[in-house]
């Protein structure tokens, strides 16, 4: 089939254009350049054994929404200018200084809680305490909190912020309690720490909401909040069970349960 290119002005006369659209001539108005075809940027009509192709000027085609996206003009906005200084983040966009500071504070929270759990691990791993199950539980808890801190650090870098690590508070090294015993006291302390961490995360989410940072809100909800409430429920059940067994032989059985949980018994 032969194809012949013609000028859009001459090709899109009303009689010819009506054969493209199926509209009667009486329904057509305006200049041919203003017509839009379902063929995209080309009009085509069979003529004998060949076809006539008319190139249309895309700049004259009005979009259905009435909104024209002009990227080369819109990127001139100051919000999209790429920084030239080596000290400025190239990736940062709509990331408020308040959100950046709040992320750094949450990193400090996670590291401090991890520090306390690590101290609990060291306590229960002593030869004169020898609760291997509790030691395993608190070692794993410490690692999880540190992983959360690192997750926040990575997010800070993704958003173009700067990670700032603050000082850690020295935790206790003795967890003996005359009335409750060390096992119950330690687990109640863990429950309080998990609730405190959850409260801090909710405040972090509120900062993101205040600054209309939808992406940061989604990150906190997806990566932290669900996991946190599940941890609170799990440790709350441990506290209840330890209160029932008291300070006697039942604590040893509870320790064995923690030791063999998840099929792992090696520290």
C-alpha atoms as a PDB file:
ATOM      1  CA  UNK A   1       0.000   0.000   0.000  1.00  0.00           C
ATOM      2  CA  UNK A   2       1.445   3.387  -0.945  1.00  0.00           C
ATOM      3  CA  UNK A   3       1.470   6.266   1.536  1.00  0.00           C
ATOM      4  CA  UNK A   4       1.612   9.927   0.607  1.00  0.00           C
ATOM      5  CA  UNK A   5       2.387  12.683   3.143  1.00  0.00           C
ATOM      6  CA  UNK A   6       0.407  15.880   2.672  1.00  0.00           C
ATOM      7  CA  UNK A   7       0.173  19.158   4.502  1.00  0.00           C
ATOM      8  CA  UNK A   8      -2.252  19.098   7.414  1.00  0.00           C
ATOM      9  CA  UNK A   9      -3.899  22.337   6.321  1.00  0.00           C
ATOM     10  CA  UNK A  10      -4.769  21.068   2.871  1.00  0.00           C
ATOM     11  CA  UNK A  11      -5.491  17.493   3.879  1.00  0.00           C
ATOM     12  CA  UNK A  12      -7.899  18.425   6.654  1.00  0.00           C
ATOM     13  CA  UNK A  13     -10.396  20.323   4.599  1.00  0.00           C
ATOM     14  CA  UNK A  14     -13.917  19.812   5.873  1.00  0.00           C
ATOM     15  CA  UNK A  15     -14.946  17.274   3.208  1.00  0.00           C
ATOM     16  CA  UNK A  16     -11.822  15.215   3.819  1.00  0.00           C
ATOM     17  CA  UNK A  17     -11.990  15.593   7.606  1.00  0.00           C
ATOM     18  CA  UNK A  18     -15.612  14.482   7.658  1.00  0.00           C
ATOM     19  CA  UNK A  19     -14.547  11.181   6.133  1.00  0.00           C
ATOM     20  CA  UNK A  20     -12.149  10.650   9.069  1.00  0.00           C
ATOM     21  CA  UNK A  21     -14.677  11.349  11.790  1.00  0.00           C
ATOM     22  CA  UNK A  22     -17.921  10.266  10.166  1.00  0.00           C
ATOM     23  CA  UNK A  23     -19.434  13.644  11.050  1.00  0.00           C
ATOM     24  CA  UNK A  24     -21.488  15.531   8.470  1.00  0.00           C
ATOM     25  CA  UNK A  25     -19.923  18.712   7.136  1.00  0.00           C
ATOM     26  CA  UNK A  26     -22.609  20.803   8.826  1.00  0.00           C
ATOM     27  CA  UNK A  27     -21.341  19.602  12.235  1.00  0.00           C
ATOM     28  CA  UNK A  28     -17.767  20.716  11.620  1.00  0.00           C
ATOM     29  CA  UNK A  29     -16.676  24.215  12.546  1.00  0.00           C
ATOM     30  CA  UNK A  30     -13.424  26.025  13.162  1.00  0.00           C
ATOM     31  CA  UNK A  31     -10.115  25.650  11.388  1.00  0.00           C
ATOM     32  CA  UNK A  32      -8.820  22.193  10.473  1.00  0.00           C
ATOM     33  CA  UNK A  33      -5.806  22.699  12.814  1.00  0.00           C
ATOM     34  CA  UNK A  34      -8.139  22.633  15.842  1.00  0.00           C
ATOM     35  CA  UNK A  35      -9.584  19.170  15.089  1.00  0.00           C
ATOM     36  CA  UNK A  36      -8.480  16.150  17.187  1.00  0.00           C
ATOM     37  CA  UNK A  37      -8.390  12.673  15.715  1.00  0.00           C
ATOM     38  CA  UNK A  38      -8.480   9.275  17.375  1.00  0.00           C
ATOM     39  CA  UNK A  39      -5.516   8.390  15.171  1.00  0.00           C
ATOM     40  CA  UNK A  40      -3.246  10.402  17.491  1.00  0.00           C
ATOM     41  CA  UNK A  41      -0.927  12.802  15.694  1.00  0.00           C
ATOM     42  CA  UNK A  42      -1.755  11.507  12.218  1.00  0.00           C
ATOM     43  CA  UNK A  43      -4.922  11.573  10.167  1.00  0.00           C
ATOM     44  CA  UNK A  44      -5.395   8.858   7.570  1.00  0.00           C
ATOM     45  CA  UNK A  45      -7.969   8.191   4.849  1.00  0.00           C
ATOM     46  CA  UNK A  46      -7.942   5.479   2.246  1.00  0.00           C
ATOM     47  CA  UNK A  47      -7.950   6.723  -1.333  1.00  0.00           C
ATOM     48  CA  UNK A  48      -8.111   3.976  -3.890  1.00  0.00           C
ATOM     49  CA  UNK A  49      -5.284   1.513  -3.211  1.00  0.00           C
ATOM     50  CA  UNK A  50      -3.281   3.873  -0.999  1.00  0.00           C
ATOM     51  CA  UNK A  51      -3.667   6.197   1.937  1.00  0.00           C
ATOM     52  CA  UNK A  52      -3.233   9.870   2.691  1.00  0.00           C
ATOM     53  CA  UNK A  53      -1.406  10.683   5.936  1.00  0.00           C
ATOM     54  CA  UNK A  54      -1.689  14.194   7.363  1.00  0.00           C
ATOM     55  CA  UNK A  55       0.693  15.266  10.128  1.00  0.00           C
ATOM     56  CA  UNK A  56      -1.012  17.301  12.865  1.00  0.00           C
ATOM     57  CA  UNK A  57       0.575  19.961  15.022  1.00  0.00           C
ATOM     58  CA  UNK A  58       0.561  18.415  18.535  1.00  0.00           C
ATOM     59  CA  UNK A  59       0.805  21.847  20.147  1.00  0.00           C
ATOM     60  CA  UNK A  60      -2.674  22.691  18.886  1.00  0.00           C
ATOM     61  CA  UNK A  61      -4.375  19.565  20.257  1.00  0.00           C
ATOM     62  CA  UNK A  62      -6.308  20.403  23.442  1.00  0.00           C
ATOM     63  CA  UNK A  63      -6.076  17.674  26.176  1.00  0.00           C
ATOM     64  CA  UNK A  64      -9.315  16.217  27.469  1.00  0.00           C
ATOM     65  CA  UNK A  65      -8.669  17.465  31.029  1.00  0.00           C
ATOM     66  CA  UNK A  66      -7.850  20.987  29.917  1.00  0.00           C
ATOM     67  CA  UNK A  67      -4.514  20.777  31.798  1.00  0.00           C
ATOM     68  CA  UNK A  68      -1.282  20.836  29.831  1.00  0.00           C
ATOM     69  CA  UNK A  69       1.829  19.358  31.477  1.00  0.00           C
ATOM     70  CA  UNK A  70       4.849  21.407  30.466  1.00  0.00           C
ATOM     71  CA  UNK A  71       7.842  19.737  32.199  1.00  0.00           C
ATOM     72  CA  UNK A  72      10.544  22.006  30.804  1.00  0.00           C
ATOM     73  CA  UNK A  73       8.720  25.034  32.147  1.00  0.00           C
ATOM     74  CA  UNK A  74       7.601  23.563  35.469  1.00  0.00           C
ATOM     75  CA  UNK A  75      11.074  22.339  36.471  1.00  0.00           C
ATOM     76  CA  UNK A  76      12.205  25.975  36.504  1.00  0.00           C
ATOM     77  CA  UNK A  77      10.365  26.338  39.813  1.00  0.00           C
ATOM     78  CA  UNK A  78      12.763  26.893  42.736  1.00  0.00           C
ATOM     79  CA  UNK A  79      11.438  23.745  44.450  1.00  0.00           C
ATOM     80  CA  UNK A  80      12.956  21.579  41.700  1.00  0.00           C
ATOM     81  CA  UNK A  81      16.307  23.291  41.278  1.00  0.00           C
ATOM     82  CA  UNK A  82      19.198  20.866  41.905  1.00  0.00           C
ATOM     83  CA  UNK A  83      21.639  22.224  44.546  1.00  0.00           C
ATOM     84  CA  UNK A  84      25.175  22.915  43.362  1.00  0.00           C
ATOM     85  CA  UNK A  85      26.924  22.847  46.752  1.00  0.00           C
ATOM     86  CA  UNK A  86      28.457  19.516  47.763  1.00  0.00           C
ATOM     87  CA  UNK A  87      27.133  19.853  51.323  1.00  0.00           C
ATOM     88  CA  UNK A  88      23.470  19.950  50.299  1.00  0.00           C
ATOM     89  CA  UNK A  89      21.366  16.833  49.729  1.00  0.00           C
ATOM     90  CA  UNK A  90      20.299  16.323  46.122  1.00  0.00           C
ATOM     91  CA  UNK A  91      17.484  13.954  47.104  1.00  0.00           C
ATOM     92  CA  UNK A  92      15.763  16.133  49.722  1.00  0.00           C
ATOM     93  CA  UNK A  93      12.222  17.218  48.855  1.00  0.00           C
ATOM     94  CA  UNK A  94       9.419  18.382  51.147  1.00  0.00           C
ATOM     95  CA  UNK A  95      11.309  17.148  54.225  1.00  0.00           C
ATOM     96  CA  UNK A  96      10.813  19.578  57.097  1.00  0.00           C
ATOM     97  CA  UNK A  97      13.575  20.312  59.580  1.00  0.00           C
ATOM     98  CA  UNK A  98      11.192  19.346  62.384  1.00  0.00           C
ATOM     99  CA  UNK A  99      10.720  15.887  60.838  1.00  0.00           C
ATOM    100  CA  UNK A 100      14.471  15.470  60.467  1.00  0.00           C
ATOM    101  CA  UNK A 101      15.045  16.346  64.139  1.00  0.00           C
ATOM    102  CA  UNK A 102      12.251  14.019  65.281  1.00  0.00           C
ATOM    103  CA  UNK A 103      13.765  11.100  63.382  1.00  0.00           C
ATOM    104  CA  UNK A 104      17.115  11.700  65.097  1.00  0.00           C
ATOM    105  CA  UNK A 105      15.391  11.749  68.482  1.00  0.00           C
ATOM    106  CA  UNK A 106      13.665   8.442  67.732  1.00  0.00           C
ATOM    107  CA  UNK A 107      17.010   6.921  66.744  1.00  0.00           C
ATOM    108  CA  UNK A 108      18.258   7.865  70.201  1.00  0.00           C
ATOM    109  CA  UNK A 109      15.180   6.282  71.814  1.00  0.00           C
ATOM    110  CA  UNK A 110      15.742   2.992  69.982  1.00  0.00           C
ATOM    111  CA  UNK A 111      19.448   2.882  70.895  1.00  0.00           C
ATOM    112  CA  UNK A 112      18.747   3.639  74.574  1.00  0.00           C
ATOM    113  CA  UNK A 113      16.151   0.881  74.815  1.00  0.00           C
ATOM    114  CA  UNK A 114      18.560  -1.484  73.064  1.00  0.00           C
ATOM    115  CA  UNK A 115      21.209  -0.511  75.644  1.00  0.00           C
ATOM    116  CA  UNK A 116      18.898  -1.420  78.546  1.00  0.00           C
ATOM    117  CA  UNK A 117      18.005  -4.764  76.957  1.00  0.00           C
ATOM    118  CA  UNK A 118      21.693  -5.502  76.430  1.00  0.00           C
ATOM    119  CA  UNK A 119      22.295  -4.845  80.121  1.00  0.00           C
ATOM    120  CA  UNK A 120      19.459  -7.260  80.981  1.00  0.00           C
ATOM    121  CA  UNK A 121      21.053  -9.867  78.722  1.00  0.00           C
ATOM    122  CA  UNK A 122      24.358  -9.499  80.583  1.00  0.00           C
ATOM    123  CA  UNK A 123      22.596  -9.791  83.955  1.00  0.00           C
ATOM    124  CA  UNK A 124      20.725 -13.021  83.206  1.00  0.00           C
ATOM    125  CA  UNK A 125      23.787 -14.538  81.510  1.00  0.00           C
ATOM    126  CA  UNK A 126      25.816 -14.405  84.741  1.00  0.00           C
ATOM    127  CA  UNK A 127      26.920 -17.723  86.225  1.00  0.00           C
ATOM    128  CA  UNK A 128      25.135 -16.998  89.526  1.00  0.00           C
ATOM    129  CA  UNK A 129      21.865 -16.084  87.745  1.00  0.00           C
ATOM    130  CA  UNK A 130      21.999 -18.554  84.832  1.00  0.00           C
ATOM    131  CA  UNK A 131      18.616 -17.856  83.273  1.00  0.00           C
ATOM    132  CA  UNK A 132      19.629 -18.666  79.699  1.00  0.00           C
ATOM    133  CA  UNK A 133      16.107 -18.206  78.365  1.00  0.00           C
ATOM    134  CA  UNK A 134      15.816 -14.673  79.731  1.00  0.00           C
ATOM    135  CA  UNK A 135      19.324 -13.891  78.478  1.00  0.00           C
ATOM    136  CA  UNK A 136      18.375 -15.095  74.994  1.00  0.00           C
ATOM    137  CA  UNK A 137      15.120 -13.104  75.031  1.00  0.00           C
ATOM    138  CA  UNK A 138      16.774  -9.824  76.032  1.00  0.00           C
ATOM    139  CA  UNK A 139      19.690 -10.271  73.656  1.00  0.00           C
ATOM    140  CA  UNK A 140      17.248 -10.702  70.777  1.00  0.00           C
ATOM    141  CA  UNK A 141      15.220  -7.708  71.997  1.00  0.00           C
ATOM    142  CA  UNK A 142      18.373  -5.577  72.084  1.00  0.00           C
ATOM    143  CA  UNK A 143      19.248  -6.556  68.518  1.00  0.00           C
ATOM    144  CA  UNK A 144      15.724  -5.744  67.291  1.00  0.00           C
ATOM    145  CA  UNK A 145      15.827  -2.261  68.831  1.00  0.00           C
ATOM    146  CA  UNK A 146      19.239  -1.625  67.266  1.00  0.00           C
ATOM    147  CA  UNK A 147      17.887  -2.779  63.894  1.00  0.00           C
ATOM    148  CA  UNK A 148      15.018  -0.301  64.275  1.00  0.00           C
ATOM    149  CA  UNK A 149      17.534   2.467  64.978  1.00  0.00           C
ATOM    150  CA  UNK A 150      19.485   1.548  61.852  1.00  0.00           C
ATOM    151  CA  UNK A 151      16.256   1.457  59.843  1.00  0.00           C
ATOM    152  CA  UNK A 152      15.548   5.029  60.945  1.00  0.00           C
ATOM    153  CA  UNK A 153      19.104   6.073  60.082  1.00  0.00           C
ATOM    154  CA  UNK A 154      18.720   4.665  56.587  1.00  0.00           C
ATOM    155  CA  UNK A 155      15.385   6.462  56.193  1.00  0.00           C
ATOM    156  CA  UNK A 156      17.011   9.718  57.294  1.00  0.00           C
ATOM    157  CA  UNK A 157      19.562   9.341  54.500  1.00  0.00           C
ATOM    158  CA  UNK A 158      16.892   8.417  51.945  1.00  0.00           C
ATOM    159  CA  UNK A 159      15.000  11.635  52.663  1.00  0.00           C
ATOM    160  CA  UNK A 160      18.143  13.758  52.493  1.00  0.00           C
ATOM    161  CA  UNK A 161      18.423  14.441  56.215  1.00  0.00           C
ATOM    162  CA  UNK A 162      21.532  14.198  58.387  1.00  0.00           C
ATOM    163  CA  UNK A 163      21.882  11.546  61.083  1.00  0.00           C
ATOM    164  CA  UNK A 164      22.901  12.893  64.498  1.00  0.00           C
ATOM    165  CA  UNK A 165      23.638  10.393  67.264  1.00  0.00           C
ATOM    166  CA  UNK A 166      23.075  11.630  70.801  1.00  0.00           C
ATOM    167  CA  UNK A 167      24.547  10.342  74.057  1.00  0.00           C
ATOM    168  CA  UNK A 168      23.214   7.163  75.668  1.00  0.00           C
ATOM    169  CA  UNK A 169      22.076   6.926  79.285  1.00  0.00           C
ATOM    170  CA  UNK A 170      23.960   4.342  81.331  1.00  0.00           C
ATOM    171  CA  UNK A 171      21.477   1.563  82.204  1.00  0.00           C
ATOM    172  CA  UNK A 172      21.158  -0.359  85.451  1.00  0.00           C
ATOM    173  CA  UNK A 173      23.310  -3.449  85.933  1.00  0.00           C
ATOM    174  CA  UNK A 174      21.368  -4.994  88.848  1.00  0.00           C
ATOM    175  CA  UNK A 175      17.744  -6.078  88.556  1.00  0.00           C
ATOM    176  CA  UNK A 176      17.055  -7.785  91.853  1.00  0.00           C
ATOM    177  CA  UNK A 177      13.662  -6.991  93.373  1.00  0.00           C
ATOM    178  CA  UNK A 178      12.804  -8.265  96.856  1.00  0.00           C
ATOM    179  CA  UNK A 179       9.052  -8.692  96.288  1.00  0.00           C
ATOM    180  CA  UNK A 180       8.806  -9.462  92.558  1.00  0.00           C
ATOM    181  CA  UNK A 181      12.067 -11.246  91.917  1.00  0.00           C
ATOM    182  CA  UNK A 182      14.409 -10.394  89.058  1.00  0.00           C
ATOM    183  CA  UNK A 183      12.508 -12.243  86.292  1.00  0.00           C
ATOM    184  CA  UNK A 184       9.152 -10.524  86.816  1.00  0.00           C
ATOM    185  CA  UNK A 185      10.785  -7.159  87.524  1.00  0.00           C
ATOM    186  CA  UNK A 186      12.799  -7.357  84.282  1.00  0.00           C
ATOM    187  CA  UNK A 187       9.769  -8.326  82.200  1.00  0.00           C
ATOM    188  CA  UNK A 188       7.650  -5.526  83.664  1.00  0.00           C
ATOM    189  CA  UNK A 189      10.479  -3.118  82.874  1.00  0.00           C
ATOM    190  CA  UNK A 190      10.504  -4.415  79.291  1.00  0.00           C
ATOM    191  CA  UNK A 191       6.744  -3.888  79.016  1.00  0.00           C
ATOM    192  CA  UNK A 192       7.078  -0.290  80.230  1.00  0.00           C
ATOM    193  CA  UNK A 193       9.906   0.342  77.741  1.00  0.00           C
ATOM    194  CA  UNK A 194       7.849  -1.024  74.835  1.00  0.00           C
ATOM    195  CA  UNK A 195       4.918   1.209  75.775  1.00  0.00           C
ATOM    196  CA  UNK A 196       7.261   4.185  76.058  1.00  0.00           C
ATOM    197  CA  UNK A 197       8.726   3.434  72.628  1.00  0.00           C
ATOM    198  CA  UNK A 198       5.227   3.187  71.174  1.00  0.00           C
ATOM    199  CA  UNK A 199       4.341   6.571  72.684  1.00  0.00           C
ATOM    200  CA  UNK A 200       7.455   8.097  71.109  1.00  0.00           C
ATOM    201  CA  UNK A 201       6.543   6.599  67.728  1.00  0.00           C
ATOM    202  CA  UNK A 202       3.041   8.060  67.933  1.00  0.00           C
ATOM    203  CA  UNK A 203       4.537  11.492  68.630  1.00  0.00           C
ATOM    204  CA  UNK A 204       6.886  11.014  65.679  1.00  0.00           C
ATOM    205  CA  UNK A 205       3.859  10.205  63.513  1.00  0.00           C
ATOM    206  CA  UNK A 206       2.141  13.362  64.785  1.00  0.00           C
ATOM    207  CA  UNK A 207       5.137  15.457  63.711  1.00  0.00           C
ATOM    208  CA  UNK A 208       4.927  13.958  60.215  1.00  0.00           C
ATOM    209  CA  UNK A 209       1.185  14.664  60.103  1.00  0.00           C
ATOM    210  CA  UNK A 210       1.705  18.241  61.291  1.00  0.00           C
ATOM    211  CA  UNK A 211       4.144  18.837  58.425  1.00  0.00           C
ATOM    212  CA  UNK A 212       1.874  17.092  55.904  1.00  0.00           C
ATOM    213  CA  UNK A 213       4.572  14.478  55.239  1.00  0.00           C
ATOM    214  CA  UNK A 214       2.405  11.621  53.978  1.00  0.00           C
ATOM    215  CA  UNK A 215       5.351   9.450  52.999  1.00  0.00           C
ATOM    216  CA  UNK A 216       6.876   9.649  56.481  1.00  0.00           C
ATOM    217  CA  UNK A 217       3.541   8.773  58.068  1.00  0.00           C
ATOM    218  CA  UNK A 218       3.290   5.710  55.853  1.00  0.00           C
ATOM    219  CA  UNK A 219       6.851   4.678  56.750  1.00  0.00           C
ATOM    220  CA  UNK A 220       6.158   4.831  60.500  1.00  0.00           C
ATOM    221  CA  UNK A 221       2.869   2.962  60.206  1.00  0.00           C
ATOM    222  CA  UNK A 222       4.275   0.274  57.918  1.00  0.00           C
ATOM    223  CA  UNK A 223       7.605  -0.357  59.614  1.00  0.00           C
ATOM    224  CA  UNK A 224       6.970   0.312  63.324  1.00  0.00           C
ATOM    225  CA  UNK A 225       3.466   0.765  64.735  1.00  0.00           C
ATOM    226  CA  UNK A 226       2.027  -2.677  63.999  1.00  0.00           C
ATOM    227  CA  UNK A 227       5.189  -4.392  65.198  1.00  0.00           C
ATOM    228  CA  UNK A 228       5.153  -2.313  68.373  1.00  0.00           C
ATOM    229  CA  UNK A 229       1.614  -3.141  69.489  1.00  0.00           C
ATOM    230  CA  UNK A 230       2.286  -6.835  68.819  1.00  0.00           C
ATOM    231  CA  UNK A 231       5.401  -6.674  71.027  1.00  0.00           C
ATOM    232  CA  UNK A 232       3.396  -5.003  73.808  1.00  0.00           C
ATOM    233  CA  UNK A 233       0.780  -7.766  73.676  1.00  0.00           C
ATOM    234  CA  UNK A 234       3.421 -10.521  73.770  1.00  0.00           C
ATOM    235  CA  UNK A 235       5.333  -9.086  76.749  1.00  0.00           C
ATOM    236  CA  UNK A 236       2.081  -8.313  78.594  1.00  0.00           C
ATOM    237  CA  UNK A 237       1.238 -12.031  78.399  1.00  0.00           C
ATOM    238  CA  UNK A 238       4.705 -12.886  79.754  1.00  0.00           C
ATOM    239  CA  UNK A 239       4.132 -10.551  82.713  1.00  0.00           C
ATOM    240  CA  UNK A 240       0.786 -12.189  83.439  1.00  0.00           C
ATOM    241  CA  UNK A 241       2.315 -15.680  83.356  1.00  0.00           C
ATOM    242  CA  UNK A 242       5.228 -14.713  85.595  1.00  0.00           C
ATOM    243  CA  UNK A 243       2.853 -13.192  88.131  1.00  0.00           C
ATOM    244  CA  UNK A 244       1.022 -16.502  88.286  1.00  0.00           C
ATOM    245  CA  UNK A 245       4.125 -18.688  88.767  1.00  0.00           C
ATOM    246  CA  UNK A 246       5.610 -16.457  91.478  1.00  0.00           C
ATOM    247  CA  UNK A 247       9.304 -16.516  92.382  1.00  0.00           C
ATOM    248  CA  UNK A 248       9.685 -20.246  92.826  1.00  0.00           C
ATOM    249  CA  UNK A 249      10.394 -23.217  90.578  1.00  0.00           C
ATOM    250  CA  UNK A 250       7.908 -21.956  88.006  1.00  0.00           C
ATOM    251  CA  UNK A 251      10.342 -19.240  86.914  1.00  0.00           C
ATOM    252  CA  UNK A 252      12.834 -21.941  85.886  1.00  0.00           C
ATOM    253  CA  UNK A 253      10.163 -23.580  83.677  1.00  0.00           C
ATOM    254  CA  UNK A 254       9.329 -20.174  82.194  1.00  0.00           C
ATOM    255  CA  UNK A 255      13.022 -19.646  81.468  1.00  0.00           C
ATOM    256  CA  UNK A 256      13.138 -22.998  79.670  1.00  0.00           C
ATOM    257  CA  UNK A 257      10.132 -21.946  77.586  1.00  0.00           C
ATOM    258  CA  UNK A 258      11.978 -18.778  76.502  1.00  0.00           C
ATOM    259  CA  UNK A 259      15.147 -20.753  75.816  1.00  0.00           C
ATOM    260  CA  UNK A 260      13.467 -23.206  73.427  1.00  0.00           C
ATOM    261  CA  UNK A 261      11.101 -20.686  71.844  1.00  0.00           C
ATOM    262  CA  UNK A 262      11.349 -20.632  68.038  1.00  0.00           C
ATOM    263  CA  UNK A 263      13.371 -23.833  68.159  1.00  0.00           C
ATOM    264  CA  UNK A 264      16.557 -22.010  69.162  1.00  0.00           C
ATOM    265  CA  UNK A 265      18.452 -22.750  72.353  1.00  0.00           C
ATOM    266  CA  UNK A 266      21.948 -21.406  71.638  1.00  0.00           C
ATOM    267  CA  UNK A 267      23.059 -17.910  72.701  1.00  0.00           C
END
